[in-house]
């Protein structure tokens, strides 16, 4: 995960589509679960980003039903 990501849109793109010529975080999570190289520091960083992704997914889901 890039520490240069500073907007929700950038985070969403990195999560679902991946940076240029790199796999998405969603794909890496599905393929390797949590074993794709997270130290304790990275795991905490990932956890914070995951909270944002889940929040946005919740908003998107609610919007689709209204």
N, C-alpha and C. Protein backbone atom coordinates (compact mmCIF):
# COMPACT_ATOMS: atom_id res chain seq x y z
N UNK A 1 0.84 -1.17 0.00
CA UNK A 1 0.00 0.00 0.00
C UNK A 1 0.89 1.23 0.00
N UNK A 2 0.49 2.16 -0.82
CA UNK A 2 1.28 3.38 -0.95
C UNK A 2 0.98 4.36 0.17
N UNK A 3 2.02 4.88 0.76
CA UNK A 3 1.84 5.92 1.77
C UNK A 3 1.62 7.28 1.13
N UNK A 4 1.76 7.35 -0.19
CA UNK A 4 1.54 8.60 -0.92
C UNK A 4 0.07 8.86 -1.23
N UNK A 5 -0.78 7.89 -0.95
CA UNK A 5 -2.22 8.06 -1.19
C UNK A 5 -2.76 9.02 -0.15
N UNK A 6 -3.44 10.08 -0.63
CA UNK A 6 -3.91 11.09 0.33
C UNK A 6 -5.39 11.42 0.19
N UNK A 7 -6.08 10.81 -0.76
CA UNK A 7 -7.52 11.06 -0.90
C UNK A 7 -8.26 9.73 -0.90
N UNK A 8 -9.55 9.80 -0.61
CA UNK A 8 -10.38 8.60 -0.62
C UNK A 8 -10.43 8.02 -2.04
N UNK A 9 -10.50 8.88 -3.03
CA UNK A 9 -10.53 8.42 -4.42
C UNK A 9 -9.26 7.64 -4.77
N UNK A 10 -8.11 8.14 -4.36
CA UNK A 10 -6.85 7.44 -4.61
C UNK A 10 -6.81 6.10 -3.89
N UNK A 11 -7.29 6.09 -2.64
CA UNK A 11 -7.33 4.85 -1.87
C UNK A 11 -8.25 3.83 -2.53
N UNK A 12 -9.42 4.29 -2.98
CA UNK A 12 -10.38 3.41 -3.66
C UNK A 12 -9.76 2.81 -4.92
N UNK A 13 -9.07 3.64 -5.68
CA UNK A 13 -8.43 3.17 -6.91
C UNK A 13 -7.35 2.15 -6.60
N UNK A 14 -6.51 2.45 -5.61
CA UNK A 14 -5.45 1.52 -5.23
C UNK A 14 -6.05 0.19 -4.75
N UNK A 15 -7.12 0.27 -3.99
CA UNK A 15 -7.75 -0.92 -3.43
C UNK A 15 -8.38 -1.79 -4.51
N UNK A 16 -9.13 -1.17 -5.41
CA UNK A 16 -9.90 -1.94 -6.39
C UNK A 16 -9.20 -2.17 -7.73
N UNK A 17 -8.32 -1.28 -8.13
CA UNK A 17 -7.70 -1.38 -9.45
C UNK A 17 -6.18 -1.51 -9.38
N UNK A 18 -5.59 -1.06 -8.31
CA UNK A 18 -4.14 -1.12 -8.15
C UNK A 18 -3.45 0.03 -8.86
N UNK A 19 -2.26 0.36 -8.40
CA UNK A 19 -1.47 1.38 -9.09
C UNK A 19 -1.09 0.88 -10.48
N UNK A 20 -0.61 1.74 -11.32
CA UNK A 20 -0.22 1.37 -12.67
C UNK A 20 0.72 0.16 -12.68
N UNK A 21 0.34 -0.84 -13.44
CA UNK A 21 1.14 -2.06 -13.61
C UNK A 21 1.37 -2.85 -12.32
N UNK A 22 0.47 -2.69 -11.36
CA UNK A 22 0.58 -3.45 -10.11
C UNK A 22 -0.80 -3.99 -9.75
N UNK A 23 -0.84 -5.10 -9.02
CA UNK A 23 -2.14 -5.67 -8.65
C UNK A 23 -2.84 -4.81 -7.59
N UNK A 24 -4.15 -4.95 -7.54
CA UNK A 24 -4.92 -4.22 -6.53
C UNK A 24 -4.70 -4.83 -5.15
N UNK A 25 -4.93 -4.05 -4.13
CA UNK A 25 -4.83 -4.55 -2.76
C UNK A 25 -5.89 -5.62 -2.53
N UNK A 26 -7.07 -5.41 -3.07
CA UNK A 26 -8.17 -6.39 -2.95
C UNK A 26 -7.73 -7.74 -3.51
N UNK A 27 -7.08 -7.73 -4.67
CA UNK A 27 -6.59 -8.97 -5.28
C UNK A 27 -5.53 -9.63 -4.40
N UNK A 28 -4.59 -8.85 -3.89
CA UNK A 28 -3.54 -9.40 -3.04
C UNK A 28 -4.12 -10.01 -1.77
N UNK A 29 -5.11 -9.36 -1.21
CA UNK A 29 -5.77 -9.88 -0.01
C UNK A 29 -6.46 -11.20 -0.30
N UNK A 30 -7.15 -11.28 -1.44
CA UNK A 30 -7.86 -12.51 -1.81
C UNK A 30 -6.87 -13.64 -2.08
N UNK A 31 -5.79 -13.32 -2.76
CA UNK A 31 -4.81 -14.33 -3.15
C UNK A 31 -3.95 -14.81 -1.99
N UNK A 32 -3.47 -13.88 -1.17
CA UNK A 32 -2.50 -14.21 -0.12
C UNK A 32 -3.02 -14.02 1.30
N UNK A 33 -4.25 -13.57 1.45
CA UNK A 33 -4.82 -13.25 2.76
C UNK A 33 -3.92 -12.19 3.39
N UNK A 34 -3.48 -12.38 4.61
CA UNK A 34 -2.64 -11.36 5.25
C UNK A 34 -1.16 -11.69 5.13
N UNK A 35 -0.81 -12.66 4.32
CA UNK A 35 0.57 -13.14 4.25
C UNK A 35 1.39 -12.48 3.15
N UNK A 36 0.97 -11.35 2.61
CA UNK A 36 1.72 -10.74 1.51
C UNK A 36 2.70 -9.67 1.98
N UNK A 37 3.25 -9.87 3.17
CA UNK A 37 4.39 -9.05 3.57
C UNK A 37 4.11 -7.93 4.53
N UNK A 38 3.20 -8.13 5.45
CA UNK A 38 2.88 -7.06 6.38
C UNK A 38 3.63 -7.24 7.70
N UNK A 39 4.46 -6.26 8.02
CA UNK A 39 5.06 -6.21 9.34
C UNK A 39 3.99 -5.65 10.29
N UNK A 40 4.29 -5.57 11.56
CA UNK A 40 3.33 -5.02 12.52
C UNK A 40 2.97 -3.59 12.16
N UNK A 41 3.95 -2.81 11.77
CA UNK A 41 3.72 -1.42 11.38
C UNK A 41 2.81 -1.35 10.15
N UNK A 42 3.09 -2.19 9.17
CA UNK A 42 2.28 -2.22 7.95
C UNK A 42 0.87 -2.73 8.23
N UNK A 43 0.75 -3.69 9.13
CA UNK A 43 -0.57 -4.23 9.47
C UNK A 43 -1.44 -3.14 10.08
N UNK A 44 -0.87 -2.30 10.92
CA UNK A 44 -1.63 -1.20 11.52
C UNK A 44 -2.04 -0.19 10.45
N UNK A 45 -1.13 0.14 9.55
CA UNK A 45 -1.41 1.05 8.45
C UNK A 45 -2.53 0.48 7.57
N UNK A 46 -2.42 -0.81 7.25
CA UNK A 46 -3.43 -1.49 6.45
C UNK A 46 -4.79 -1.45 7.13
N UNK A 47 -4.81 -1.73 8.42
CA UNK A 47 -6.05 -1.75 9.18
C UNK A 47 -6.76 -0.40 9.13
N UNK A 48 -6.01 0.67 9.23
CA UNK A 48 -6.59 2.02 9.15
C UNK A 48 -7.19 2.27 7.77
N UNK A 49 -6.47 1.86 6.73
CA UNK A 49 -6.98 2.04 5.36
C UNK A 49 -8.22 1.16 5.13
N UNK A 50 -8.21 -0.04 5.68
CA UNK A 50 -9.34 -0.95 5.51
C UNK A 50 -10.61 -0.37 6.13
N UNK A 51 -10.48 0.33 7.25
CA UNK A 51 -11.64 0.98 7.86
C UNK A 51 -12.28 1.98 6.90
N UNK A 52 -11.47 2.73 6.20
CA UNK A 52 -11.98 3.71 5.23
C UNK A 52 -12.68 2.99 4.09
N UNK A 53 -12.06 1.95 3.55
CA UNK A 53 -12.65 1.19 2.45
C UNK A 53 -14.00 0.60 2.87
N UNK A 54 -14.07 0.00 4.05
CA UNK A 54 -15.34 -0.58 4.52
C UNK A 54 -16.40 0.50 4.69
N UNK A 55 -16.02 1.65 5.20
CA UNK A 55 -16.96 2.75 5.37
C UNK A 55 -17.52 3.19 4.02
N UNK A 56 -16.65 3.37 3.04
CA UNK A 56 -17.08 3.79 1.71
C UNK A 56 -17.95 2.71 1.07
N UNK A 57 -17.59 1.45 1.22
CA UNK A 57 -18.41 0.36 0.69
C UNK A 57 -19.81 0.38 1.30
N UNK A 58 -19.90 0.68 2.58
CA UNK A 58 -21.20 0.79 3.24
C UNK A 58 -22.03 1.91 2.66
N UNK A 59 -21.41 3.04 2.41
CA UNK A 59 -22.12 4.18 1.80
C UNK A 59 -22.60 3.80 0.40
N UNK A 60 -21.73 3.20 -0.38
CA UNK A 60 -22.09 2.80 -1.74
C UNK A 60 -23.25 1.81 -1.72
N UNK A 61 -23.21 0.84 -0.82
CA UNK A 61 -24.28 -0.15 -0.72
C UNK A 61 -25.61 0.50 -0.38
N UNK A 62 -25.60 1.42 0.55
CA UNK A 62 -26.85 2.10 0.93
C UNK A 62 -27.39 2.94 -0.22
N UNK A 63 -26.50 3.60 -0.95
CA UNK A 63 -26.91 4.45 -2.07
C UNK A 63 -27.53 3.63 -3.19
N UNK A 64 -27.08 2.40 -3.37
CA UNK A 64 -27.62 1.56 -4.43
C UNK A 64 -29.05 1.12 -4.15
N UNK A 65 -29.45 1.12 -2.88
CA UNK A 65 -30.79 0.68 -2.52
C UNK A 65 -31.79 1.82 -2.42
N UNK A 66 -31.36 3.06 -2.60
CA UNK A 66 -32.29 4.20 -2.51
C UNK A 66 -32.50 4.84 -3.83
